[in-house]
Amino acid sequence: MSEFRIDQIKSQDASRGPDIAGITTFTGTSGIVMPSGDTYYGRYLTEDPFYDSMILGIPFNEPTKQAFFDYSMYAITMDPLGSINIDTGESKFYDSSATLDGNGDGVRTPLSGSSYSLGLGSFTAEAWIRCTDFSHANYLLVANTVDEVSNDGYGFAFGLSGTTGIFTVNVQRNNGADLTRIFGTTSPAVECTETFETNTWTHICMTYDATYGPQGEYRAYKNGKLIGTKDDSPRRNFGETRFYVGKTHNSTHNFEGQLQDVKLYRGAVKYPRDKFDVPGQMAR
């Protein structure tokens, strides 16, 4: 039997999980156990023990591009940006994936004050990606500290760069004046031991462990294998107000290819340090 918490249930068809056709409302957060032994909450049926820490979770399994749903505790609808579309011919887990053309496609969360702030604590970001062209800086998750009008800089940018698919993470403040390169090829970044391939579904993960060593540690993973580490010097206090998936707010660094199961966890080091088994699909 699997047990999870449930934040809300509205009317939902049975195709999203076990026998739930008769469930229309729910009050409370303790979870609802189905006859199958699973617990269903919102749109999300899974065995993720870190669900309570998830602040962003987008499977990109929708049948149309009209809206993409966040399966985290916030359960928001993320509007499409640019010409992001559905690809029914290429998918890791589902009947479709999100496909982005590298020219400003993506989705974003609403501006939300401190709801998305990561502070000084640990966090984990991960996704399944299939990049089709490395000529762009393929940022798959960007955390903005302010709205895109004032452009005061982002909290972190996570993805690939270069012509060979180099794992890249940058953090910055003050419109780029306070920028630290964590992973990549530009000093003082750490160059990871492996690069990524085009046209191949690959699990990519970044973790910041605030409890490791005197300054905390960033970790880079490819398919569950640790490929780079770097301490957090100077220590960063992330105060995000919005997340972009697939692009930066000003469309200067855009992902080209397919995305699925983009997730972000606050306050959680989800995986062991050295290696882990890559996760299966997040939605059922």
C-alpha atoms as a PDB file:
ATOM      1  CA  MET A   1       0.000   0.000   0.000  1.00  0.00           C
ATOM      2  CA  SER A   2       1.206   3.505  -0.866  1.00  0.00           C
ATOM      3  CA  GLU A   3       0.294   6.462   1.317  1.00  0.00           C
ATOM      4  CA  PHE A   4       0.472  10.120   0.280  1.00  0.00           C
ATOM      5  CA  ARG A   5      -1.114  13.400   1.246  1.00  0.00           C
ATOM      6  CA  ILE A   6      -3.929  15.019  -0.642  1.00  0.00           C
ATOM      7  CA  ASP A   7      -4.188  18.782  -0.892  1.00  0.00           C
ATOM      8  CA  GLN A   8      -7.313  18.990  -2.958  1.00  0.00           C
ATOM      9  CA  ILE A   9      -9.571  16.912  -5.138  1.00  0.00           C
ATOM     10  CA  LYS A  10     -12.025  18.394  -7.557  1.00  0.00           C
ATOM     11  CA  SER A  11     -14.083  16.500 -10.107  1.00  0.00           C
ATOM     12  CA  GLN A  12     -11.795  14.231 -12.052  1.00  0.00           C
ATOM     13  CA  ASP A  13     -12.255  11.397 -14.534  1.00  0.00           C
ATOM     14  CA  ALA A  14     -11.119   7.883 -13.842  1.00  0.00           C
ATOM     15  CA  SER A  15      -8.423   7.964 -16.525  1.00  0.00           C
ATOM     16  CA  ARG A  16      -6.156   9.900 -14.146  1.00  0.00           C
ATOM     17  CA  GLY A  17      -5.944   7.177 -11.546  1.00  0.00           C
ATOM     18  CA  PRO A  18      -7.794   4.283  -9.917  1.00  0.00           C
ATOM     19  CA  ASP A  19     -11.544   4.258  -9.366  1.00  0.00           C
ATOM     20  CA  ILE A  20     -12.194   7.894  -8.521  1.00  0.00           C
ATOM     21  CA  ALA A  21     -15.210   8.713 -10.679  1.00  0.00           C
ATOM     22  CA  GLY A  22     -17.424   9.209  -7.623  1.00  0.00           C
ATOM     23  CA  ILE A  23     -15.077  11.593  -5.827  1.00  0.00           C
ATOM     24  CA  THR A  24     -15.960  15.246  -6.339  1.00  0.00           C
ATOM     25  CA  THR A  25     -14.729  17.083  -3.239  1.00  0.00           C
ATOM     26  CA  PHE A  26     -12.296  16.590  -0.416  1.00  0.00           C
ATOM     27  CA  THR A  27     -11.474  18.599   2.687  1.00  0.00           C
ATOM     28  CA  GLY A  28      -8.246  18.160   4.573  1.00  0.00           C
ATOM     29  CA  THR A  29      -4.694  17.095   3.857  1.00  0.00           C
ATOM     30  CA  SER A  30      -4.411  13.591   5.258  1.00  0.00           C
ATOM     31  CA  GLY A  31      -4.917  11.707   1.993  1.00  0.00           C
ATOM     32  CA  ILE A  32      -7.562   9.439   0.596  1.00  0.00           C
ATOM     33  CA  VAL A  33      -6.754   5.746   0.187  1.00  0.00           C
ATOM     34  CA  MET A  34      -8.271   4.041  -2.838  1.00  0.00           C
ATOM     35  CA  PRO A  35      -9.486   0.441  -2.938  1.00  0.00           C
ATOM     36  CA  SER A  36      -6.353  -0.372  -4.943  1.00  0.00           C
ATOM     37  CA  GLY A  37      -4.227   0.662  -1.972  1.00  0.00           C
ATOM     38  CA  ASP A  38      -2.885   3.797  -3.663  1.00  0.00           C
ATOM     39  CA  THR A  39      -3.715   7.279  -2.534  1.00  0.00           C
ATOM     40  CA  TYR A  40      -4.952   9.856  -5.005  1.00  0.00           C
ATOM     41  CA  TYR A  41      -4.558  13.587  -4.618  1.00  0.00           C
ATOM     42  CA  GLY A  42      -5.341  16.198  -7.234  1.00  0.00           C
ATOM     43  CA  ARG A  43      -3.953  15.135 -10.600  1.00  0.00           C
ATOM     44  CA  TYR A  44      -1.046  13.257  -9.091  1.00  0.00           C
ATOM     45  CA  LEU A  45      -0.766   9.531  -8.380  1.00  0.00           C
ATOM     46  CA  THR A  46       2.742   8.375  -7.602  1.00  0.00           C
ATOM     47  CA  GLU A  47       5.088   7.008  -4.978  1.00  0.00           C
ATOM     48  CA  ASP A  48       7.198  10.105  -4.422  1.00  0.00           C
ATOM     49  CA  PRO A  49       8.207  10.290  -0.738  1.00  0.00           C
ATOM     50  CA  PHE A  50       9.323  13.897  -1.291  1.00  0.00           C
ATOM     51  CA  TYR A  51       5.967  15.145  -2.531  1.00  0.00           C
ATOM     52  CA  ASP A  52       5.529  17.439   0.486  1.00  0.00           C
ATOM     53  CA  SER A  53       8.687  19.278  -0.623  1.00  0.00           C
ATOM     54  CA  MET A  54       7.704  19.604  -4.284  1.00  0.00           C
ATOM     55  CA  ILE A  55       6.961  23.185  -5.366  1.00  0.00           C
ATOM     56  CA  LEU A  56       6.972  22.540  -9.102  1.00  0.00           C
ATOM     57  CA  GLY A  57       6.048  19.348 -10.942  1.00  0.00           C
ATOM     58  CA  ILE A  58       5.112  19.380 -14.628  1.00  0.00           C
ATOM     59  CA  PRO A  59       4.820  16.049 -16.463  1.00  0.00           C
ATOM     60  CA  PHE A  60       3.973  17.689 -19.813  1.00  0.00           C
ATOM     61  CA  ASN A  61       1.568  14.855 -20.568  1.00  0.00           C
ATOM     62  CA  GLU A  62      -1.394  16.956 -21.643  1.00  0.00           C
ATOM     63  CA  PRO A  63      -3.304  16.108 -24.824  1.00  0.00           C
ATOM     64  CA  THR A  64      -3.278  19.732 -26.054  1.00  0.00           C
ATOM     65  CA  LYS A  65      -1.066  22.778 -25.636  1.00  0.00           C
ATOM     66  CA  GLN A  66      -3.827  24.999 -24.256  1.00  0.00           C
ATOM     67  CA  ALA A  67      -2.467  24.711 -20.716  1.00  0.00           C
ATOM     68  CA  PHE A  68       0.094  22.684 -18.811  1.00  0.00           C
ATOM     69  CA  PHE A  69      -0.648  21.550 -15.274  1.00  0.00           C
ATOM     70  CA  ASP A  70       1.601  21.713 -12.226  1.00  0.00           C
ATOM     71  CA  TYR A  71       1.151  18.602 -10.092  1.00  0.00           C
ATOM     72  CA  SER A  72       2.901  20.008  -7.010  1.00  0.00           C
ATOM     73  CA  MET A  73       1.222  21.164  -3.819  1.00  0.00           C
ATOM     74  CA  TYR A  74       0.418  24.473  -5.558  1.00  0.00           C
ATOM     75  CA  ALA A  75      -1.577  22.761  -8.342  1.00  0.00           C
ATOM     76  CA  ILE A  76      -1.429  25.737 -10.684  1.00  0.00           C
ATOM     77  CA  THR A  77      -2.066  25.972 -14.415  1.00  0.00           C
ATOM     78  CA  MET A  78       0.936  27.159 -16.395  1.00  0.00           C
ATOM     79  CA  ASP A  79       0.141  29.013 -19.600  1.00  0.00           C
ATOM     80  CA  PRO A  80       2.121  28.205 -22.746  1.00  0.00           C
ATOM     81  CA  LEU A  81       4.707  30.716 -23.990  1.00  0.00           C
ATOM     82  CA  GLY A  82       5.861  31.103 -27.573  1.00  0.00           C
ATOM     83  CA  SER A  83       4.974  28.199 -29.831  1.00  0.00           C
ATOM     84  CA  ILE A  84       5.426  25.373 -27.311  1.00  0.00           C
ATOM     85  CA  ASN A  85       3.522  22.387 -28.632  1.00  0.00           C
ATOM     86  CA  ILE A  86       2.623  18.759 -28.008  1.00  0.00           C
ATOM     87  CA  ASP A  87       4.637  16.006 -29.655  1.00  0.00           C
ATOM     88  CA  THR A  88       2.670  12.753 -29.832  1.00  0.00           C
ATOM     89  CA  GLY A  89       5.471  11.007 -31.705  1.00  0.00           C
ATOM     90  CA  GLU A  90       8.197  11.448 -29.104  1.00  0.00           C
ATOM     91  CA  SER A  91       7.748  10.724 -25.408  1.00  0.00           C
ATOM     92  CA  LYS A  92       9.622   9.092 -22.564  1.00  0.00           C
ATOM     93  CA  PHE A  93       6.636   7.940 -20.520  1.00  0.00           C
ATOM     94  CA  TYR A  94       3.301   9.220 -21.781  1.00  0.00           C
ATOM     95  CA  ASP A  95       1.366   9.577 -25.029  1.00  0.00           C
ATOM     96  CA  SER A  96       3.008  12.939 -25.658  1.00  0.00           C
ATOM     97  CA  SER A  97       5.688  15.366 -24.510  1.00  0.00           C
ATOM     98  CA  ALA A  98       6.223  19.112 -24.709  1.00  0.00           C
ATOM     99  CA  THR A  99       8.278  20.152 -27.718  1.00  0.00           C
ATOM    100  CA  LEU A 100      10.153  23.472 -27.818  1.00  0.00           C
ATOM    101  CA  ASP A 101      11.756  25.036 -30.888  1.00  0.00           C
ATOM    102  CA  GLY A 102      14.501  27.053 -29.163  1.00  0.00           C
ATOM    103  CA  ASN A 103      12.958  30.431 -29.999  1.00  0.00           C
ATOM    104  CA  GLY A 104      11.272  31.376 -26.748  1.00  0.00           C
ATOM    105  CA  ASP A 105       8.960  28.429 -26.141  1.00  0.00           C
ATOM    106  CA  GLY A 106       8.198  27.453 -22.565  1.00  0.00           C
ATOM    107  CA  VAL A 107       5.868  27.876 -19.608  1.00  0.00           C
ATOM    108  CA  ARG A 108       6.052  29.971 -16.449  1.00  0.00           C
ATOM    109  CA  THR A 109       4.543  30.136 -13.001  1.00  0.00           C
ATOM    110  CA  PRO A 110       2.621  33.198 -11.841  1.00  0.00           C
ATOM    111  CA  LEU A 111       4.457  35.838  -9.820  1.00  0.00           C
ATOM    112  CA  SER A 112       3.988  34.562  -6.313  1.00  0.00           C
ATOM    113  CA  GLY A 113       5.856  36.538  -3.680  1.00  0.00           C
ATOM    114  CA  SER A 114       7.757  34.179  -1.390  1.00  0.00           C
ATOM    115  CA  SER A 115       5.889  31.003  -2.401  1.00  0.00           C
ATOM    116  CA  TYR A 116       8.807  29.883  -4.561  1.00  0.00           C
ATOM    117  CA  SER A 117      11.647  31.194  -2.420  1.00  0.00           C
ATOM    118  CA  LEU A 118      14.369  28.609  -1.782  1.00  0.00           C
ATOM    119  CA  GLY A 119      16.247  30.709   0.786  1.00  0.00           C
ATOM    120  CA  LEU A 120      19.511  29.247   2.068  1.00  0.00           C
ATOM    121  CA  GLY A 121      18.225  25.694   2.237  1.00  0.00           C
ATOM    122  CA  SER A 122      18.709  22.566   0.171  1.00  0.00           C
ATOM    123  CA  PHE A 123      16.857  21.971  -3.068  1.00  0.00           C
ATOM    124  CA  THR A 124      16.689  19.485  -5.940  1.00  0.00           C
ATOM    125  CA  ALA A 125      15.790  20.185  -9.581  1.00  0.00           C
ATOM    126  CA  GLU A 126      15.371  17.412 -12.138  1.00  0.00           C
ATOM    127  CA  ALA A 127      13.822  16.589 -15.515  1.00  0.00           C
ATOM    128  CA  TRP A 128      13.750  14.160 -18.392  1.00  0.00           C
ATOM    129  CA  ILE A 129      15.069  15.911 -21.490  1.00  0.00           C
ATOM    130  CA  ARG A 130      15.613  15.136 -25.170  1.00  0.00           C
ATOM    131  CA  CYS A 131      17.640  17.976 -26.620  1.00  0.00           C
ATOM    132  CA  THR A 132      17.683  18.172 -30.412  1.00  0.00           C
ATOM    133  CA  ASP A 133      20.161  21.018 -30.952  1.00  0.00           C
ATOM    134  CA  PHE A 134      22.951  22.306 -28.710  1.00  0.00           C
ATOM    135  CA  SER A 135      23.490  25.554 -30.653  1.00  0.00           C
ATOM    136  CA  HIS A 136      21.264  27.339 -28.132  1.00  0.00           C
ATOM    137  CA  ALA A 137      21.998  27.720 -24.433  1.00  0.00           C
ATOM    138  CA  ASN A 138      19.422  25.102 -23.492  1.00  0.00           C
ATOM    139  CA  TYR A 139      18.215  26.319 -20.089  1.00  0.00           C
ATOM    140  CA  LEU A 140      15.388  24.099 -18.922  1.00  0.00           C
ATOM    141  CA  LEU A 141      14.661  25.749 -15.543  1.00  0.00           C
ATOM    142  CA  VAL A 142      15.270  29.400 -14.645  1.00  0.00           C
ATOM    143  CA  ALA A 143      14.391  30.953 -11.292  1.00  0.00           C
ATOM    144  CA  ASN A 144      13.643  34.665 -11.428  1.00  0.00           C
ATOM    145  CA  THR A 145      14.063  36.855  -8.369  1.00  0.00           C
ATOM    146  CA  VAL A 146      11.892  39.668  -9.716  1.00  0.00           C
ATOM    147  CA  ASP A 147       9.517  40.217 -12.587  1.00  0.00           C
ATOM    148  CA  GLU A 148      10.864  40.328 -16.123  1.00  0.00           C
ATOM    149  CA  VAL A 149      10.250  44.067 -16.510  1.00  0.00           C
ATOM    150  CA  SER A 150      12.859  45.260 -14.029  1.00  0.00           C
ATOM    151  CA  ASN A 151      15.231  42.422 -15.017  1.00  0.00           C
ATOM    152  CA  ASP A 152      17.214  42.483 -11.777  1.00  0.00           C
ATOM    153  CA  GLY A 153      18.681  39.065 -12.421  1.00  0.00           C
ATOM    154  CA  TYR A 154      17.733  35.468 -11.856  1.00  0.00           C
ATOM    155  CA  GLY A 155      18.301  33.215  -8.888  1.00  0.00           C
ATOM    156  CA  PHE A 156      19.685  30.292 -10.877  1.00  0.00           C
ATOM    157  CA  ALA A 157      19.702  28.987 -14.440  1.00  0.00           C
ATOM    158  CA  PHE A 158      19.956  25.239 -14.985  1.00  0.00           C
ATOM    159  CA  GLY A 159      20.441  23.374 -18.239  1.00  0.00           C
ATOM    160  CA  LEU A 160      22.956  22.731 -21.020  1.00  0.00           C
ATOM    161  CA  SER A 161      25.273  24.985 -23.014  1.00  0.00           C
ATOM    162  CA  GLY A 162      27.944  24.823 -25.709  1.00  0.00           C
ATOM    163  CA  THR A 163      27.889  22.730 -28.873  1.00  0.00           C
ATOM    164  CA  THR A 164      28.499  19.477 -26.987  1.00  0.00           C
ATOM    165  CA  GLY A 165      25.776  19.570 -24.315  1.00  0.00           C
ATOM    166  CA  ILE A 166      27.699  20.810 -21.283  1.00  0.00           C
ATOM    167  CA  PHE A 167      25.914  20.641 -17.918  1.00  0.00           C
ATOM    168  CA  THR A 168      25.532  24.287 -16.888  1.00  0.00           C
ATOM    169  CA  VAL A 169      24.358  26.061 -13.737  1.00  0.00           C
ATOM    170  CA  ASN A 170      24.776  29.792 -13.081  1.00  0.00           C
ATOM    171  CA  VAL A 171      23.541  31.849 -10.134  1.00  0.00           C
ATOM    172  CA  GLN A 172      23.380  35.628 -10.087  1.00  0.00           C
ATOM    173  CA  ARG A 173      22.041  38.800  -8.521  1.00  0.00           C
ATOM    174  CA  ASN A 174      21.961  42.512  -9.406  1.00  0.00           C
ATOM    175  CA  ASN A 175      21.426  42.336 -13.151  1.00  0.00           C
ATOM    176  CA  GLY A 176      24.437  40.123 -13.751  1.00  0.00           C
ATOM    177  CA  ALA A 177      26.905  42.118 -11.660  1.00  0.00           C
ATOM    178  CA  ASP A 178      26.946  39.384  -9.012  1.00  0.00           C
ATOM    179  CA  LEU A 179      27.232  36.153 -10.997  1.00  0.00           C
ATOM    180  CA  THR A 180      28.771  32.859  -9.968  1.00  0.00           C
ATOM    181  CA  ARG A 181      29.275  30.040 -12.445  1.00  0.00           C
ATOM    182  CA  ILE A 182      28.667  26.705 -10.723  1.00  0.00           C
ATOM    183  CA  PHE A 183      28.905  24.172 -13.560  1.00  0.00           C
ATOM    184  CA  GLY A 184      30.184  24.806 -17.089  1.00  0.00           C
ATOM    185  CA  THR A 185      33.434  25.654 -18.855  1.00  0.00           C
ATOM    186  CA  THR A 186      33.933  29.274 -17.776  1.00  0.00           C
ATOM    187  CA  SER A 187      35.969  29.802 -14.583  1.00  0.00           C
ATOM    188  CA  PRO A 188      35.300  29.401 -11.704  1.00  0.00           C
ATOM    189  CA  ALA A 189      32.730  26.820 -12.795  1.00  0.00           C
ATOM    190  CA  VAL A 190      33.419  23.114 -12.446  1.00  0.00           C
ATOM    191  CA  GLU A 191      33.425  21.276 -15.770  1.00  0.00           C
ATOM    192  CA  CYS A 192      31.427  18.082 -15.386  1.00  0.00           C
ATOM    193  CA  THR A 193      32.948  14.744 -16.328  1.00  0.00           C
ATOM    194  CA  GLU A 194      30.277  13.897 -18.912  1.00  0.00           C
ATOM    195  CA  THR A 195      28.340  15.807 -21.560  1.00  0.00           C
ATOM    196  CA  PHE A 196      24.887  15.108 -23.003  1.00  0.00           C
ATOM    197  CA  GLU A 197      23.782  13.674 -26.336  1.00  0.00           C
ATOM    198  CA  THR A 198      21.225  14.971 -28.809  1.00  0.00           C
ATOM    199  CA  ASN A 199      18.033  13.071 -29.607  1.00  0.00           C
ATOM    200  CA  THR A 200      18.363  10.885 -26.506  1.00  0.00           C
ATOM    201  CA  TRP A 201      16.022  10.854 -23.514  1.00  0.00           C
ATOM    202  CA  THR A 202      18.250  11.603 -20.514  1.00  0.00           C
ATOM    203  CA  HIS A 203      17.603  12.300 -16.852  1.00  0.00           C
ATOM    204  CA  ILE A 204      19.284  15.509 -15.660  1.00  0.00           C
ATOM    205  CA  CYS A 205      19.441  16.578 -12.024  1.00  0.00           C
ATOM    206  CA  MET A 206      20.939  19.364  -9.931  1.00  0.00           C
ATOM    207  CA  THR A 207      20.989  19.291  -6.142  1.00  0.00           C
ATOM    208  CA  TYR A 208      22.146  21.850  -3.625  1.00  0.00           C
ATOM    209  CA  ASP A 209      22.872  20.244  -0.238  1.00  0.00           C
ATOM    210  CA  ALA A 210      23.013  22.998   2.375  1.00  0.00           C
ATOM    211  CA  THR A 211      24.146  20.551   5.062  1.00  0.00           C
ATOM    212  CA  TYR A 212      27.273  19.299   3.294  1.00  0.00           C
ATOM    213  CA  GLY A 213      30.555  20.818   4.491  1.00  0.00           C
ATOM    214  CA  PRO A 214      30.987  24.391   5.739  1.00  0.00           C
ATOM    215  CA  GLN A 215      29.390  26.052   2.683  1.00  0.00           C
ATOM    216  CA  GLY A 216      27.047  23.479   1.214  1.00  0.00           C
ATOM    217  CA  GLU A 217      27.540  21.650  -2.078  1.00  0.00           C
ATOM    218  CA  TYR A 218      26.062  21.729  -5.582  1.00  0.00           C
ATOM    219  CA  ARG A 219      25.874  18.375  -7.394  1.00  0.00           C
ATOM    220  CA  ALA A 220      25.330  17.546 -11.042  1.00  0.00           C
ATOM    221  CA  TYR A 221      23.895  14.225 -12.239  1.00  0.00           C
ATOM    222  CA  LYS A 222      23.359  12.532 -15.582  1.00  0.00           C
ATOM    223  CA  ASN A 223      21.136   9.445 -15.529  1.00  0.00           C
ATOM    224  CA  GLY A 224      21.703   9.109 -11.782  1.00  0.00           C
ATOM    225  CA  LYS A 225      25.507   9.327 -12.004  1.00  0.00           C
ATOM    226  CA  LEU A 226      27.356  12.090 -10.136  1.00  0.00           C
ATOM    227  CA  ILE A 227      29.322  14.068 -12.757  1.00  0.00           C
ATOM    228  CA  GLY A 228      30.321  17.195 -10.826  1.00  0.00           C
ATOM    229  CA  THR A 229      30.383  18.927  -7.428  1.00  0.00           C
ATOM    230  CA  LYS A 230      31.093  22.483  -6.274  1.00  0.00           C
ATOM    231  CA  ASP A 231      30.808  24.263  -2.947  1.00  0.00           C
ATOM    232  CA  ASP A 232      28.620  27.331  -2.556  1.00  0.00           C
ATOM    233  CA  SER A 233      31.061  30.200  -2.199  1.00  0.00           C
ATOM    234  CA  PRO A 234      29.852  32.840  -1.666  1.00  0.00           C
ATOM    235  CA  ARG A 235      26.724  31.430  -0.029  1.00  0.00           C
ATOM    236  CA  ARG A 236      23.524  32.318  -1.871  1.00  0.00           C
ATOM    237  CA  ASN A 237      20.114  33.221  -0.519  1.00  0.00           C
ATOM    238  CA  PHE A 238      17.585  32.418  -3.233  1.00  0.00           C
ATOM    239  CA  GLY A 239      14.449  34.569  -3.138  1.00  0.00           C
ATOM    240  CA  GLU A 240      12.626  33.432  -6.258  1.00  0.00           C
ATOM    241  CA  THR A 241       9.246  34.845  -7.215  1.00  0.00           C
ATOM    242  CA  ARG A 242       8.673  32.996 -10.497  1.00  0.00           C
ATOM    243  CA  PHE A 243      10.015  30.038 -12.474  1.00  0.00           C
ATOM    244  CA  TYR A 244      10.415  29.706 -16.208  1.00  0.00           C
ATOM    245  CA  VAL A 245      10.640  26.286 -17.842  1.00  0.00           C
ATOM    246  CA  GLY A 246      12.294  25.990 -21.247  1.00  0.00           C
ATOM    247  CA  LYS A 247      13.510  29.579 -21.521  1.00  0.00           C
ATOM    248  CA  THR A 248      14.780  32.662 -19.739  1.00  0.00           C
ATOM    249  CA  HIS A 249      12.390  35.531 -19.107  1.00  0.00           C
ATOM    250  CA  ASN A 250      13.875  37.521 -22.005  1.00  0.00           C
ATOM    251  CA  SER A 251      14.236  34.523 -24.368  1.00  0.00           C
ATOM    252  CA  THR A 252      18.027  34.806 -24.646  1.00  0.00           C
ATOM    253  CA  HIS A 253      18.626  31.187 -23.573  1.00  0.00           C
ATOM    254  CA  ASN A 254      16.074  28.696 -24.825  1.00  0.00           C
ATOM    255  CA  PHE A 255      15.660  24.932 -24.768  1.00  0.00           C
ATOM    256  CA  GLU A 256      15.233  23.077 -28.064  1.00  0.00           C
ATOM    257  CA  GLY A 257      13.783  19.601 -27.930  1.00  0.00           C
ATOM    258  CA  GLN A 258      11.353  17.700 -25.702  1.00  0.00           C
ATOM    259  CA  LEU A 259      10.714  17.904 -21.952  1.00  0.00           C
ATOM    260  CA  GLN A 260       8.921  15.715 -19.425  1.00  0.00           C
ATOM    261  CA  ASP A 261       8.627  15.516 -15.638  1.00  0.00           C
ATOM    262  CA  VAL A 262      10.262  18.830 -14.730  1.00  0.00           C
ATOM    263  CA  LYS A 263      10.345  18.958 -10.918  1.00  0.00           C
ATOM    264  CA  LEU A 264      11.714  21.186  -8.170  1.00  0.00           C
ATOM    265  CA  TYR A 265      11.867  20.321  -4.471  1.00  0.00           C
ATOM    266  CA  ARG A 266      12.490  22.870  -1.710  1.00  0.00           C
ATOM    267  CA  GLY A 267      14.344  21.848   1.438  1.00  0.00           C
ATOM    268  CA  ALA A 268      15.119  18.390   0.114  1.00  0.00           C
ATOM    269  CA  VAL A 269      18.194  16.507  -1.038  1.00  0.00           C
ATOM    270  CA  LYS A 270      16.225  13.889  -2.924  1.00  0.00           C
ATOM    271  CA  TYR A 271      18.995  11.478  -3.893  1.00  0.00           C
ATOM    272  CA  PRO A 272      22.107   9.907  -2.333  1.00  0.00           C
ATOM    273  CA  ARG A 273      25.308  11.791  -3.095  1.00  0.00           C
ATOM    274  CA  ASP A 274      27.183   9.372  -5.349  1.00  0.00           C
ATOM    275  CA  LYS A 275      24.526   7.772  -7.559  1.00  0.00           C
ATOM    276  CA  PHE A 276      20.862   6.837  -7.701  1.00  0.00           C
ATOM    277  CA  ASP A 277      18.317   4.959  -9.775  1.00  0.00           C
ATOM    278  CA  VAL A 278      16.584   7.365 -12.138  1.00  0.00           C
ATOM    279  CA  PRO A 279      12.882   7.909 -11.384  1.00  0.00           C
ATOM    280  CA  GLY A 280       9.999   6.567 -13.395  1.00  0.00           C
ATOM    281  CA  GLN A 281       7.066   8.662 -14.532  1.00  0.00           C
ATOM    282  CA  MET A 282       5.582  11.078 -12.029  1.00  0.00           C
ATOM    283  CA  ALA A 283       1.983  11.028 -13.288  1.00  0.00           C
ATOM    284  CA  ARG A 284      -0.383   8.123 -13.736  1.00  0.00           C
END
